[in-house]
Amino acid sequence: MSRGPQRFRLTDIVKVVKATKAAGLVVERIEFTLDGKMVVVSGQAEPSTDPADVEGWDRVK
């Protein structure tokens, strides 16, 4: 018995996760709805570890 046509392929999911991470977001989960939608739920942005991103008032001497 056939499962029917696939709505999403693994490569589609990998592309979405990479794009979300490139935007600086954390992927919490990916939901698939019965009508064929893929919903990416993201959490808080990852904190920057670049010292150049620190505001002037954050520098303490």
PDB file of N, CA and C in Angstrom:
ATOM      1  N   MET A   1       0.844  -1.179   0.000  1.00  0.00           N
ATOM      2  CA  MET A   1       0.000   0.000   0.000  1.00  0.00           C
ATOM      3  C   MET A   1       0.888   1.241   0.000  1.00  0.00           C
ATOM      4  N   SER A   2       0.587   2.180  -0.859  1.00  0.00           N
ATOM      5  CA  SER A   2       1.363   3.401  -1.007  1.00  0.00           C
ATOM      6  C   SER A   2       0.945   4.434   0.029  1.00  0.00           C
ATOM      7  N   ARG A   3       1.902   5.241   0.432  1.00  0.00           N
ATOM      8  CA  ARG A   3       1.611   6.317   1.391  1.00  0.00           C
ATOM      9  C   ARG A   3       1.077   7.565   0.703  1.00  0.00           C
ATOM     10  N   GLY A   4       1.226   7.656  -0.583  1.00  0.00           N
ATOM     11  CA  GLY A   4       0.807   8.853  -1.304  1.00  0.00           C
ATOM     12  C   GLY A   4       1.981   9.777  -1.533  1.00  0.00           C
ATOM     13  N   PRO A   5       1.764  10.879  -2.210  1.00  0.00           N
ATOM     14  CA  PRO A   5       2.873  11.790  -2.502  1.00  0.00           C
ATOM     15  C   PRO A   5       3.379  12.489  -1.241  1.00  0.00           C
ATOM     16  N   GLN A   6       4.685  12.673  -1.189  1.00  0.00           N
ATOM     17  CA  GLN A   6       5.265  13.384  -0.051  1.00  0.00           C
ATOM     18  C   GLN A   6       5.100  14.884  -0.258  1.00  0.00           C
ATOM     19  N   ARG A   7       4.719  15.562   0.787  1.00  0.00           N
ATOM     20  CA  ARG A   7       4.569  17.013   0.700  1.00  0.00           C
ATOM     21  C   ARG A   7       5.890  17.711   0.966  1.00  0.00           C
ATOM     22  N   PHE A   8       6.703  17.131   1.834  1.00  0.00           N
ATOM     23  CA  PHE A   8       8.002  17.710   2.175  1.00  0.00           C
ATOM     24  C   PHE A   8       9.069  16.637   2.049  1.00  0.00           C
ATOM     25  N   ARG A   9      10.222  17.069   1.624  1.00  0.00           N
ATOM     26  CA  ARG A   9      11.373  16.178   1.577  1.00  0.00           C
ATOM     27  C   ARG A   9      12.347  16.616   2.667  1.00  0.00           C
ATOM     28  N   LEU A  10      13.243  15.739   3.014  1.00  0.00           N
ATOM     29  CA  LEU A  10      14.229  16.055   4.036  1.00  0.00           C
ATOM     30  C   LEU A  10      15.042  17.284   3.656  1.00  0.00           C
ATOM     31  N   THR A  11      15.354  17.432   2.382  1.00  0.00           N
ATOM     32  CA  THR A  11      16.130  18.598   1.949  1.00  0.00           C
ATOM     33  C   THR A  11      15.362  19.905   2.176  1.00  0.00           C
ATOM     34  N   ASP A  12      14.041  19.864   2.056  1.00  0.00           N
ATOM     35  CA  ASP A  12      13.226  21.060   2.325  1.00  0.00           C
ATOM     36  C   ASP A  12      13.342  21.462   3.796  1.00  0.00           C
ATOM     37  N   ILE A  13      13.306  20.477   4.665  1.00  0.00           N
ATOM     38  CA  ILE A  13      13.379  20.745   6.104  1.00  0.00           C
ATOM     39  C   ILE A  13      14.761  21.265   6.466  1.00  0.00           C
ATOM     40  N   VAL A  14      15.800  20.676   5.893  1.00  0.00           N
ATOM     41  CA  VAL A  14      17.168  21.118   6.174  1.00  0.00           C
ATOM     42  C   VAL A  14      17.356  22.565   5.727  1.00  0.00           C
ATOM     43  N   LYS A  15      16.829  22.935   4.581  1.00  0.00           N
ATOM     44  CA  LYS A  15      16.939  24.314   4.080  1.00  0.00           C
ATOM     45  C   LYS A  15      16.260  25.303   5.017  1.00  0.00           C
ATOM     46  N   VAL A  16      15.092  24.929   5.521  1.00  0.00           N
ATOM     47  CA  VAL A  16      14.353  25.812   6.425  1.00  0.00           C
ATOM     48  C   VAL A  16      15.116  25.997   7.732  1.00  0.00           C
ATOM     49  N   VAL A  17      15.670  24.914   8.269  1.00  0.00           N
ATOM     50  CA  VAL A  17      16.415  24.997   9.528  1.00  0.00           C
ATOM     51  C   VAL A  17      17.679  25.845   9.336  1.00  0.00           C
ATOM     52  N   LYS A  18      18.396  25.653   8.243  1.00  0.00           N
ATOM     53  CA  LYS A  18      19.600  26.440   7.985  1.00  0.00           C
ATOM     54  C   LYS A  18      19.277  27.918   7.826  1.00  0.00           C
ATOM     55  N   ALA A  19      18.200  28.230   7.136  1.00  0.00           N
ATOM     56  CA  ALA A  19      17.810  29.629   6.945  1.00  0.00           C
ATOM     57  C   ALA A  19      17.399  30.274   8.267  1.00  0.00           C
ATOM     58  N   THR A  20      16.714  29.517   9.103  1.00  0.00           N
ATOM     59  CA  THR A  20      16.303  30.036  10.404  1.00  0.00           C
ATOM     60  C   THR A  20      17.515  30.320  11.281  1.00  0.00           C
ATOM     61  N   LYS A  21      18.474  29.403  11.286  1.00  0.00           N
ATOM     62  CA  LYS A  21      19.696  29.612  12.066  1.00  0.00           C
ATOM     63  C   LYS A  21      20.517  30.762  11.508  1.00  0.00           C
ATOM     64  N   ALA A  22      20.559  30.911  10.187  1.00  0.00           N
ATOM     65  CA  ALA A  22      21.301  32.010   9.564  1.00  0.00           C
ATOM     66  C   ALA A  22      20.693  33.361   9.942  1.00  0.00           C
ATOM     67  N   ALA A  23      19.405  33.372  10.230  1.00  0.00           N
ATOM     68  CA  ALA A  23      18.740  34.602  10.659  1.00  0.00           C
ATOM     69  C   ALA A  23      18.989  34.887  12.140  1.00  0.00           C
ATOM     70  N   GLY A  24      19.701  33.987  12.823  1.00  0.00           N
ATOM     71  CA  GLY A  24      20.038  34.202  14.230  1.00  0.00           C
ATOM     72  C   GLY A  24      19.003  33.683  15.200  1.00  0.00           C
ATOM     73  N   LEU A  25      18.083  32.873  14.723  1.00  0.00           N
ATOM     74  CA  LEU A  25      17.040  32.330  15.589  1.00  0.00           C
ATOM     75  C   LEU A  25      17.350  30.881  15.953  1.00  0.00           C
ATOM     76  N   VAL A  26      16.738  30.426  17.011  1.00  0.00           N
ATOM     77  CA  VAL A  26      16.885  29.047  17.467  1.00  0.00           C
ATOM     78  C   VAL A  26      15.614  28.297  17.095  1.00  0.00           C
ATOM     79  N   VAL A  27      15.763  27.157  16.455  1.00  0.00           N
ATOM     80  CA  VAL A  27      14.600  26.350  16.079  1.00  0.00           C
ATOM     81  C   VAL A  27      14.148  25.544  17.288  1.00  0.00           C
ATOM     82  N   GLU A  28      12.965  25.841  17.780  1.00  0.00           N
ATOM     83  CA  GLU A  28      12.392  25.087  18.896  1.00  0.00           C
ATOM     84  C   GLU A  28      11.811  23.769  18.394  1.00  0.00           C
ATOM     85  N   ARG A  29      10.994  23.867  17.347  1.00  0.00           N
ATOM     86  CA  ARG A  29      10.373  22.670  16.771  1.00  0.00           C
ATOM     87  C   ARG A  29       9.814  23.008  15.395  1.00  0.00           C
ATOM     88  N   ILE A  30       9.529  21.962  14.639  1.00  0.00           N
ATOM     89  CA  ILE A  30       8.894  22.101  13.339  1.00  0.00           C
ATOM     90  C   ILE A  30       7.605  21.303  13.383  1.00  0.00           C
ATOM     91  N   GLU A  31       6.506  21.955  13.020  1.00  0.00           N
ATOM     92  CA  GLU A  31       5.197  21.307  13.040  1.00  0.00           C
ATOM     93  C   GLU A  31       4.709  21.135  11.609  1.00  0.00           C
ATOM     94  N   PHE A  32       4.054  20.008  11.354  1.00  0.00           N
ATOM     95  CA  PHE A  32       3.461  19.732  10.060  1.00  0.00           C
ATOM     96  C   PHE A  32       1.962  19.621  10.253  1.00  0.00           C
ATOM     97  N   THR A  33       1.215  20.399   9.495  1.00  0.00           N
ATOM     98  CA  THR A  33      -0.235  20.369   9.621  1.00  0.00           C
ATOM     99  C   THR A  33      -0.833  19.417   8.590  1.00  0.00           C
ATOM    100  N   LEU A  34      -2.061  19.043   8.797  1.00  0.00           N
ATOM    101  CA  LEU A  34      -2.720  18.104   7.903  1.00  0.00           C
ATOM    102  C   LEU A  34      -3.006  18.686   6.529  1.00  0.00           C
ATOM    103  N   ASP A  35      -3.060  20.013   6.438  1.00  0.00           N
ATOM    104  CA  ASP A  35      -3.321  20.629   5.132  1.00  0.00           C
ATOM    105  C   ASP A  35      -2.038  20.921   4.347  1.00  0.00           C
ATOM    106  N   GLY A  36      -0.900  20.399   4.809  1.00  0.00           N
ATOM    107  CA  GLY A  36       0.337  20.488   4.051  1.00  0.00           C
ATOM    108  C   GLY A  36       1.241  21.660   4.377  1.00  0.00           C
ATOM    109  N   LYS A  37       1.024  22.322   5.503  1.00  0.00           N
ATOM    110  CA  LYS A  37       1.869  23.447   5.884  1.00  0.00           C
ATOM    111  C   LYS A  37       2.980  22.967   6.812  1.00  0.00           C
ATOM    112  N   MET A  38       4.141  23.611   6.692  1.00  0.00           N
ATOM    113  CA  MET A  38       5.245  23.364   7.603  1.00  0.00           C
ATOM    114  C   MET A  38       5.430  24.636   8.421  1.00  0.00           C
ATOM    115  N   VAL A  39       5.332  24.522   9.725  1.00  0.00           N
ATOM    116  CA  VAL A  39       5.429  25.676  10.614  1.00  0.00           C
ATOM    117  C   VAL A  39       6.692  25.529  11.457  1.00  0.00           C
ATOM    118  N   VAL A  40       7.558  26.539  11.404  1.00  0.00           N
ATOM    119  CA  VAL A  40       8.778  26.534  12.202  1.00  0.00           C
ATOM    120  C   VAL A  40       8.536  27.421  13.410  1.00  0.00           C
ATOM    121  N   VAL A  41       8.685  26.859  14.587  1.00  0.00           N
ATOM    122  CA  VAL A  41       8.524  27.605  15.830  1.00  0.00           C
ATOM    123  C   VAL A  41       9.920  27.893  16.358  1.00  0.00           C
ATOM    124  N   SER A  42      10.230  29.174  16.481  1.00  0.00           N
ATOM    125  CA  SER A  42      11.571  29.550  16.933  1.00  0.00           C
ATOM    126  C   SER A  42      11.503  30.135  18.336  1.00  0.00           C
ATOM    127  N   GLY A  43      12.622  29.993  19.018  1.00  0.00           N
ATOM    128  CA  GLY A  43      12.734  30.533  20.372  1.00  0.00           C
ATOM    129  C   GLY A  43      13.454  31.859  20.331  1.00  0.00           C
ATOM    130  N   GLN A  44      14.094  32.188  21.403  1.00  0.00           N
ATOM    131  CA  GLN A  44      14.825  33.444  21.488  1.00  0.00           C
ATOM    132  C   GLN A  44      16.070  33.375  20.617  1.00  0.00           C
ATOM    133  N   ALA A  45      16.510  34.523  20.177  1.00  0.00           N
ATOM    134  CA  ALA A  45      17.716  34.591  19.368  1.00  0.00           C
ATOM    135  C   ALA A  45      18.920  34.185  20.203  1.00  0.00           C
ATOM    136  N   GLU A  46      19.893  33.581  19.538  1.00  0.00           N
ATOM    137  CA  GLU A  46      21.111  33.184  20.233  1.00  0.00           C
ATOM    138  C   GLU A  46      21.904  34.431  20.607  1.00  0.00           C
ATOM    139  N   PRO A  47      22.442  34.473  21.815  1.00  0.00           N
ATOM    140  CA  PRO A  47      23.217  35.658  22.209  1.00  0.00           C
ATOM    141  C   PRO A  47      24.502  35.751  21.399  1.00  0.00           C
ATOM    142  N   SER A  48      24.865  36.961  21.059  1.00  0.00           N
ATOM    143  CA  SER A  48      26.071  37.185  20.284  1.00  0.00           C
ATOM    144  C   SER A  48      27.294  37.046  21.175  1.00  0.00           C
ATOM    145  N   THR A  49      28.324  36.411  20.663  1.00  0.00           N
ATOM    146  CA  THR A  49      29.579  36.281  21.402  1.00  0.00           C
ATOM    147  C   THR A  49      30.640  37.210  20.847  1.00  0.00           C
ATOM    148  N   ASP A  50      30.265  38.041  19.876  1.00  0.00           N
ATOM    149  CA  ASP A  50      31.203  38.969  19.265  1.00  0.00           C
ATOM    150  C   ASP A  50      31.378  40.186  20.167  1.00  0.00           C
ATOM    151  N   PRO A  51      32.607  40.472  20.604  1.00  0.00           N
ATOM    152  CA  PRO A  51      32.819  41.635  21.479  1.00  0.00           C
ATOM    153  C   PRO A  51      32.467  42.954  20.805  1.00  0.00           C
ATOM    154  N   ALA A  52      32.460  43.016  19.488  1.00  0.00           N
ATOM    155  CA  ALA A  52      32.123  44.257  18.789  1.00  0.00           C
ATOM    156  C   ALA A  52      30.643  44.590  18.930  1.00  0.00           C
ATOM    157  N   ASP A  53      29.820  43.612  19.280  1.00  0.00           N
ATOM    158  CA  ASP A  53      28.391  43.850  19.447  1.00  0.00           C
ATOM    159  C   ASP A  53      28.033  44.452  20.797  1.00  0.00           C
ATOM    160  N   VAL A  54      28.990  44.557  21.685  1.00  0.00           N
ATOM    161  CA  VAL A  54      28.729  45.079  23.026  1.00  0.00           C
ATOM    162  C   VAL A  54      28.583  46.590  22.952  1.00  0.00           C
ATOM    163  N   GLU A  55      27.546  47.102  23.571  1.00  0.00           N
ATOM    164  CA  GLU A  55      27.314  48.546  23.594  1.00  0.00           C
ATOM    165  C   GLU A  55      28.374  49.230  24.453  1.00  0.00           C
ATOM    166  N   GLY A  56      28.592  50.499  24.208  1.00  0.00           N
ATOM    167  CA  GLY A  56      29.591  51.263  24.946  1.00  0.00           C
ATOM    168  C   GLY A  56      29.343  51.288  26.448  1.00  0.00           C
ATOM    169  N   TRP A  57      28.098  51.355  26.865  1.00  0.00           N
ATOM    170  CA  TRP A  57      27.796  51.420  28.290  1.00  0.00           C
ATOM    171  C   TRP A  57      27.994  50.076  28.968  1.00  0.00           C
ATOM    172  N   ASP A  58      28.139  49.001  28.177  1.00  0.00           N
ATOM    173  CA  ASP A  58      28.370  47.683  28.762  1.00  0.00           C
ATOM    174  C   ASP A  58      29.843  47.453  29.102  1.00  0.00           C
ATOM    175  N   ARG A  59      30.699  48.262  28.514  1.00  0.00           N
ATOM    176  CA  ARG A  59      32.143  48.070  28.776  1.00  0.00           C
ATOM    177  C   ARG A  59      32.479  48.671  30.130  1.00  0.00           C
ATOM    178  N   VAL A  60      33.066  47.850  30.980  1.00  0.00           N
ATOM    179  CA  VAL A  60      33.456  48.313  32.312  1.00  0.00           C
ATOM    180  C   VAL A  60      34.969  48.209  32.418  1.00  0.00           C
ATOM    181  N   LYS A  61      35.592  49.322  32.829  1.00  0.00           N
ATOM    182  CA  LYS A  61      37.063  49.309  32.969  1.00  0.00           C
ATOM    183  C   LYS A  61      37.449  49.310  34.416  1.00  0.00           C
TER     184      LYS A  61
END
